[in-house]
Amino acid sequence: MPRVRRGHHKVERRKRILKLAEGYFGAKHHLYRSAKEQVERSLNFAFAGRKVKKLDYRRLWIIRINALCHQNDISYSRFMDGLKKAKIELDRKVLAQMAVSDPATFASLVTRAKQALA
């Protein structure tokens, strides 16, 4: 069986890791082992960050909806319950955009939710 030389693949893998490590401080951007550890750690943080971003946006939407709900004399939870009972299926993103850009329409949704709760 012939001998397999792996130099090219090894060099390409090292170049890819060092390319990802550009901009890191100290040895982390030019020593392979340090760069590999830091790139792996960074990619893990990036993966987790994409999940956290979704949660952060959901929190922001809920805060915006809650603010307008309280201006219209209803709590957030009762408003959401009223929307479900009125069979209005709008997600929090759309409700938050509506709360910011069109408060009059949001107020009409609040009245519909209050009617469904009564």
N, C-alpha and C. Protein backbone atom coordinates (compact mmCIF):
# COMPACT_ATOMS: atom_id res chain seq x y z
N MET A 1 0.85 -1.18 0.00
CA MET A 1 0.00 0.00 0.00
C MET A 1 0.89 1.24 0.00
N PRO A 2 0.60 2.21 -0.86
CA PRO A 2 1.45 3.39 -0.94
C PRO A 2 1.26 4.31 0.27
N ARG A 3 2.29 5.05 0.55
CA ARG A 3 2.25 5.98 1.67
C ARG A 3 1.41 7.19 1.29
N VAL A 4 0.58 7.65 2.24
CA VAL A 4 -0.28 8.81 2.00
C VAL A 4 0.37 10.03 2.64
N ARG A 5 0.64 11.03 1.84
CA ARG A 5 1.20 12.27 2.37
C ARG A 5 0.06 13.25 2.60
N ARG A 6 -0.04 13.82 3.81
CA ARG A 6 -1.17 14.65 4.17
C ARG A 6 -0.80 16.11 4.34
N GLY A 7 0.38 16.50 3.91
CA GLY A 7 0.86 17.85 4.16
C GLY A 7 -0.07 18.93 3.64
N HIS A 8 -0.56 18.79 2.44
CA HIS A 8 -1.41 19.82 1.85
C HIS A 8 -2.68 20.03 2.67
N HIS A 9 -3.34 18.96 3.08
CA HIS A 9 -4.58 19.07 3.85
C HIS A 9 -4.31 19.70 5.21
N LYS A 10 -3.17 19.33 5.79
CA LYS A 10 -2.81 19.88 7.09
C LYS A 10 -2.59 21.39 6.99
N VAL A 11 -1.88 21.80 5.94
CA VAL A 11 -1.62 23.22 5.73
C VAL A 11 -2.92 23.98 5.50
N GLU A 12 -3.81 23.41 4.69
CA GLU A 12 -5.09 24.08 4.41
C GLU A 12 -5.92 24.24 5.69
N ARG A 13 -5.93 23.20 6.53
CA ARG A 13 -6.69 23.26 7.78
C ARG A 13 -6.10 24.35 8.68
N ARG A 14 -4.78 24.41 8.77
CA ARG A 14 -4.13 25.44 9.59
C ARG A 14 -4.44 26.84 9.05
N LYS A 15 -4.39 27.00 7.74
CA LYS A 15 -4.68 28.30 7.14
C LYS A 15 -6.12 28.73 7.43
N ARG A 16 -7.03 27.76 7.36
CA ARG A 16 -8.44 28.08 7.62
C ARG A 16 -8.64 28.56 9.06
N ILE A 17 -8.01 27.87 10.01
CA ILE A 17 -8.13 28.25 11.41
C ILE A 17 -7.49 29.62 11.65
N LEU A 18 -6.31 29.84 11.10
CA LEU A 18 -5.63 31.11 11.30
C LEU A 18 -6.38 32.26 10.61
N LYS A 19 -7.05 31.98 9.52
CA LYS A 19 -7.87 32.99 8.85
C LYS A 19 -9.05 33.38 9.75
N LEU A 20 -9.66 32.40 10.41
CA LEU A 20 -10.76 32.69 11.33
C LEU A 20 -10.29 33.46 12.55
N ALA A 21 -9.00 33.30 12.90
CA ALA A 21 -8.46 33.94 14.10
C ALA A 21 -7.91 35.34 13.85
N GLU A 22 -8.09 35.88 12.65
CA GLU A 22 -7.59 37.22 12.36
C GLU A 22 -8.25 38.22 13.31
N GLY A 23 -7.42 39.12 13.85
CA GLY A 23 -7.95 40.15 14.72
C GLY A 23 -7.92 39.79 16.18
N TYR A 24 -7.60 38.55 16.52
CA TYR A 24 -7.50 38.17 17.92
C TYR A 24 -6.22 38.74 18.50
N PHE A 25 -6.19 38.93 19.81
CA PHE A 25 -5.07 39.58 20.49
C PHE A 25 -3.97 38.58 20.81
N GLY A 26 -2.72 39.03 20.68
CA GLY A 26 -1.58 38.25 21.12
C GLY A 26 -1.36 37.00 20.28
N ALA A 27 -1.00 35.92 20.98
CA ALA A 27 -0.66 34.66 20.32
C ALA A 27 -1.88 34.02 19.67
N LYS A 28 -3.05 34.43 20.06
CA LYS A 28 -4.27 33.78 19.58
C LYS A 28 -4.50 33.97 18.09
N HIS A 29 -3.79 34.89 17.46
CA HIS A 29 -4.02 35.07 16.03
C HIS A 29 -2.87 34.57 15.16
N HIS A 30 -1.78 34.10 15.78
CA HIS A 30 -0.73 33.59 14.91
C HIS A 30 -0.10 32.28 15.37
N LEU A 31 -0.38 31.80 16.57
CA LEU A 31 0.07 30.47 16.98
C LEU A 31 -1.08 29.51 16.80
N TYR A 32 -0.84 28.42 16.09
CA TYR A 32 -1.92 27.53 15.67
C TYR A 32 -2.71 26.97 16.85
N ARG A 33 -2.02 26.45 17.86
CA ARG A 33 -2.74 25.79 18.95
C ARG A 33 -3.63 26.79 19.71
N SER A 34 -3.06 27.94 20.02
CA SER A 34 -3.84 28.98 20.71
C SER A 34 -5.00 29.44 19.84
N ALA A 35 -4.72 29.62 18.55
CA ALA A 35 -5.76 30.08 17.63
C ALA A 35 -6.87 29.05 17.52
N LYS A 36 -6.50 27.78 17.47
CA LYS A 36 -7.51 26.73 17.34
C LYS A 36 -8.43 26.70 18.55
N GLU A 37 -7.83 26.82 19.74
CA GLU A 37 -8.64 26.83 20.97
C GLU A 37 -9.57 28.03 20.99
N GLN A 38 -9.04 29.20 20.62
CA GLN A 38 -9.85 30.40 20.68
C GLN A 38 -10.94 30.41 19.61
N VAL A 39 -10.64 29.90 18.42
CA VAL A 39 -11.64 29.86 17.36
C VAL A 39 -12.77 28.92 17.76
N GLU A 40 -12.42 27.78 18.33
CA GLU A 40 -13.46 26.84 18.77
C GLU A 40 -14.34 27.48 19.84
N ARG A 41 -13.71 28.17 20.78
CA ARG A 41 -14.46 28.85 21.84
C ARG A 41 -15.35 29.95 21.25
N SER A 42 -14.78 30.71 20.31
CA SER A 42 -15.54 31.80 19.69
C SER A 42 -16.74 31.28 18.91
N LEU A 43 -16.55 30.17 18.20
CA LEU A 43 -17.66 29.61 17.44
C LEU A 43 -18.76 29.10 18.37
N ASN A 44 -18.37 28.56 19.52
CA ASN A 44 -19.38 28.14 20.49
C ASN A 44 -20.17 29.34 21.01
N PHE A 45 -19.46 30.43 21.30
CA PHE A 45 -20.15 31.64 21.77
C PHE A 45 -21.07 32.19 20.68
N ALA A 46 -20.62 32.13 19.43
CA ALA A 46 -21.44 32.64 18.33
C ALA A 46 -22.72 31.81 18.19
N PHE A 47 -22.58 30.49 18.34
CA PHE A 47 -23.75 29.60 18.25
C PHE A 47 -24.74 29.94 19.35
N ALA A 48 -24.24 30.07 20.58
CA ALA A 48 -25.12 30.40 21.70
C ALA A 48 -25.72 31.79 21.53
N GLY A 49 -24.92 32.72 20.99
CA GLY A 49 -25.39 34.08 20.81
C GLY A 49 -26.55 34.19 19.85
N ARG A 50 -26.56 33.33 18.84
CA ARG A 50 -27.68 33.35 17.89
C ARG A 50 -28.97 32.91 18.58
N LYS A 51 -28.86 32.03 19.57
CA LYS A 51 -30.05 31.63 20.32
C LYS A 51 -30.49 32.74 21.28
N VAL A 52 -29.51 33.38 21.92
CA VAL A 52 -29.81 34.44 22.88
C VAL A 52 -30.45 35.63 22.18
N LYS A 53 -30.01 35.91 20.94
CA LYS A 53 -30.55 37.04 20.19
C LYS A 53 -32.07 36.89 20.01
N LYS A 54 -32.52 35.68 19.74
CA LYS A 54 -33.95 35.44 19.57
C LYS A 54 -34.69 35.74 20.87
N LEU A 55 -34.12 35.31 22.00
CA LEU A 55 -34.74 35.58 23.30
C LEU A 55 -34.77 37.07 23.60
N ASP A 56 -33.68 37.78 23.25
CA ASP A 56 -33.62 39.22 23.50
C ASP A 56 -34.68 39.97 22.71
N TYR A 57 -34.85 39.59 21.45
CA TYR A 57 -35.88 40.25 20.65
C TYR A 57 -37.26 39.97 21.21
N ARG A 58 -37.52 38.74 21.63
CA ARG A 58 -38.82 38.42 22.22
C ARG A 58 -39.08 39.27 23.46
N ARG A 59 -38.05 39.42 24.32
CA ARG A 59 -38.18 40.27 25.51
C ARG A 59 -38.51 41.71 25.12
N LEU A 60 -37.81 42.23 24.11
CA LEU A 60 -38.04 43.60 23.66
C LEU A 60 -39.48 43.78 23.17
N TRP A 61 -39.96 42.81 22.38
CA TRP A 61 -41.33 42.90 21.87
C TRP A 61 -42.33 42.90 23.02
N ILE A 62 -42.11 42.04 24.00
CA ILE A 62 -43.04 41.97 25.13
C ILE A 62 -43.04 43.28 25.91
N ILE A 63 -41.86 43.89 26.09
CA ILE A 63 -41.78 45.17 26.81
C ILE A 63 -42.56 46.25 26.06
N ARG A 64 -42.42 46.29 24.73
CA ARG A 64 -43.13 47.30 23.95
C ARG A 64 -44.64 47.09 23.99
N ILE A 65 -45.06 45.84 23.87
CA ILE A 65 -46.50 45.55 23.92
C ILE A 65 -47.05 45.89 25.30
N ASN A 66 -46.31 45.52 26.34
CA ASN A 66 -46.73 45.77 27.71
C ASN A 66 -46.89 47.26 27.98
N ALA A 67 -45.98 48.08 27.44
CA ALA A 67 -46.06 49.53 27.65
C ALA A 67 -47.36 50.10 27.08
N LEU A 68 -47.72 49.70 25.87
CA LEU A 68 -48.96 50.21 25.29
C LEU A 68 -50.20 49.60 25.93
N CYS A 69 -50.08 48.37 26.40
CA CYS A 69 -51.21 47.76 27.10
C CYS A 69 -51.55 48.56 28.35
N HIS A 70 -50.51 48.95 29.10
CA HIS A 70 -50.75 49.71 30.33
C HIS A 70 -51.28 51.11 30.02
N GLN A 71 -50.91 51.67 28.88
CA GLN A 71 -51.50 52.96 28.50
C GLN A 71 -52.99 52.80 28.20
N ASN A 72 -53.39 51.60 27.78
CA ASN A 72 -54.79 51.34 27.46
C ASN A 72 -55.51 50.59 28.58
N ASP A 73 -54.95 50.63 29.79
CA ASP A 73 -55.59 50.08 31.01
C ASP A 73 -55.87 48.59 30.93
N ILE A 74 -54.90 47.81 30.52
CA ILE A 74 -55.03 46.35 30.54
C ILE A 74 -53.62 45.79 30.75
N SER A 75 -53.54 44.66 31.43
CA SER A 75 -52.22 44.06 31.63
C SER A 75 -51.85 43.26 30.38
N TYR A 76 -50.57 42.99 30.25
CA TYR A 76 -50.06 42.26 29.09
C TYR A 76 -50.69 40.87 29.01
N SER A 77 -50.73 40.17 30.14
CA SER A 77 -51.22 38.79 30.12
C SER A 77 -52.72 38.74 29.78
N ARG A 78 -53.48 39.69 30.32
CA ARG A 78 -54.93 39.72 30.00
C ARG A 78 -55.13 40.11 28.53
N PHE A 79 -54.29 40.98 28.01
CA PHE A 79 -54.37 41.36 26.60
C PHE A 79 -54.11 40.16 25.69
N MET A 80 -53.05 39.42 25.99
CA MET A 80 -52.73 38.24 25.17
C MET A 80 -53.83 37.19 25.27
N ASP A 81 -54.38 37.02 26.48
CA ASP A 81 -55.48 36.07 26.67
C ASP A 81 -56.71 36.52 25.88
N GLY A 82 -56.97 37.82 25.89
CA GLY A 82 -58.10 38.36 25.14
C GLY A 82 -57.94 38.17 23.64
N LEU A 83 -56.73 38.35 23.14
CA LEU A 83 -56.48 38.13 21.71
C LEU A 83 -56.73 36.67 21.33
N LYS A 84 -56.28 35.75 22.18
CA LYS A 84 -56.51 34.33 21.90
C LYS A 84 -58.00 34.00 21.89
N LYS A 85 -58.72 34.56 22.85
CA LYS A 85 -60.16 34.30 22.92
C LYS A 85 -60.91 34.95 21.77
N ALA A 86 -60.39 36.08 21.27
CA ALA A 86 -61.01 36.75 20.12
C ALA A 86 -60.56 36.13 18.80
N LYS A 87 -59.71 35.10 18.88
CA LYS A 87 -59.18 34.41 17.70
C LYS A 87 -58.42 35.35 16.77
N ILE A 88 -57.65 36.25 17.39
CA ILE A 88 -56.76 37.13 16.63
C ILE A 88 -55.36 36.54 16.78
N GLU A 89 -54.83 36.03 15.68
CA GLU A 89 -53.55 35.34 15.73
C GLU A 89 -52.44 36.21 15.15
N LEU A 90 -51.99 37.15 15.96
CA LEU A 90 -50.85 37.99 15.60
C LEU A 90 -49.71 37.66 16.55
N ASP A 91 -48.51 37.52 16.00
CA ASP A 91 -47.38 37.21 16.88
C ASP A 91 -46.85 38.48 17.54
N ARG A 92 -45.96 38.30 18.50
CA ARG A 92 -45.47 39.41 19.30
C ARG A 92 -44.68 40.41 18.46
N LYS A 93 -43.98 39.92 17.44
CA LYS A 93 -43.21 40.81 16.59
C LYS A 93 -44.12 41.81 15.89
N VAL A 94 -45.20 41.30 15.31
CA VAL A 94 -46.15 42.17 14.59
C VAL A 94 -46.84 43.11 15.56
N LEU A 95 -47.22 42.60 16.73
CA LEU A 95 -47.88 43.45 17.72
C LEU A 95 -46.95 44.58 18.18
N ALA A 96 -45.67 44.26 18.37
CA ALA A 96 -44.72 45.28 18.80
C ALA A 96 -44.52 46.34 17.71
N GLN A 97 -44.44 45.91 16.45
CA GLN A 97 -44.31 46.88 15.35
C GLN A 97 -45.54 47.76 15.29
N MET A 98 -46.70 47.17 15.50
CA MET A 98 -47.95 47.92 15.49
C MET A 98 -47.99 48.92 16.64
N ALA A 99 -47.50 48.48 17.80
CA ALA A 99 -47.49 49.35 18.98
C ALA A 99 -46.62 50.58 18.74
N VAL A 100 -45.51 50.41 18.05
CA VAL A 100 -44.59 51.52 17.81
C VAL A 100 -45.09 52.41 16.68
N SER A 101 -45.52 51.81 15.57
CA SER A 101 -45.82 52.60 14.38
C SER A 101 -47.28 53.05 14.28
N ASP A 102 -48.21 52.29 14.87
CA ASP A 102 -49.62 52.61 14.70
C ASP A 102 -50.40 52.36 16.00
N PRO A 103 -50.25 53.26 16.99
CA PRO A 103 -50.91 53.04 18.29
C PRO A 103 -52.44 53.01 18.21
N ALA A 104 -53.03 53.67 17.22
CA ALA A 104 -54.49 53.68 17.11
C ALA A 104 -55.02 52.28 16.79
N THR A 105 -54.37 51.60 15.86
CA THR A 105 -54.77 50.24 15.53
C THR A 105 -54.56 49.31 16.71
N PHE A 106 -53.46 49.54 17.44
CA PHE A 106 -53.19 48.73 18.63
C PHE A 106 -54.29 48.94 19.66
N ALA A 107 -54.76 50.18 19.80
CA ALA A 107 -55.83 50.47 20.76
C ALA A 107 -57.12 49.74 20.36
N SER A 108 -57.37 49.65 19.05
CA SER A 108 -58.57 48.91 18.62
C SER A 108 -58.42 47.41 18.92
N LEU A 109 -57.20 46.88 18.82
CA LEU A 109 -56.97 45.49 19.22
C LEU A 109 -57.22 45.31 20.71
N VAL A 110 -56.83 46.30 21.50
CA VAL A 110 -57.04 46.22 22.95
C VAL A 110 -58.54 46.18 23.26
N THR A 111 -59.32 46.99 22.56
CA THR A 111 -60.76 46.98 22.81
C THR A 111 -61.37 45.64 22.40
N ARG A 112 -60.89 45.07 21.28
CA ARG A 112 -61.38 43.74 20.86
C ARG A 112 -61.02 42.69 21.91
N ALA A 113 -59.82 42.78 22.47
CA ALA A 113 -59.39 41.83 23.49
C ALA A 113 -60.23 41.98 24.75
N LYS A 114 -60.53 43.21 25.13
CA LYS A 114 -61.36 43.46 26.32
C LYS A 114 -62.77 42.91 26.12
N GLN A 115 -63.31 43.07 24.91
CA GLN A 115 -64.65 42.54 24.62
C GLN A 115 -64.64 41.01 24.70
N ALA A 116 -63.59 40.38 24.22
CA ALA A 116 -63.51 38.91 24.25
C ALA A 116 -63.39 38.40 25.69
N LEU A 117 -62.76 39.19 26.54
CA LEU A 117 -62.64 38.77 27.94
C LEU A 117 -63.93 38.96 28.73
N ALA A 118 -64.75 39.91 28.32
CA ALA A 118 -65.99 40.20 29.05
C ALA A 118 -67.08 39.17 28.79
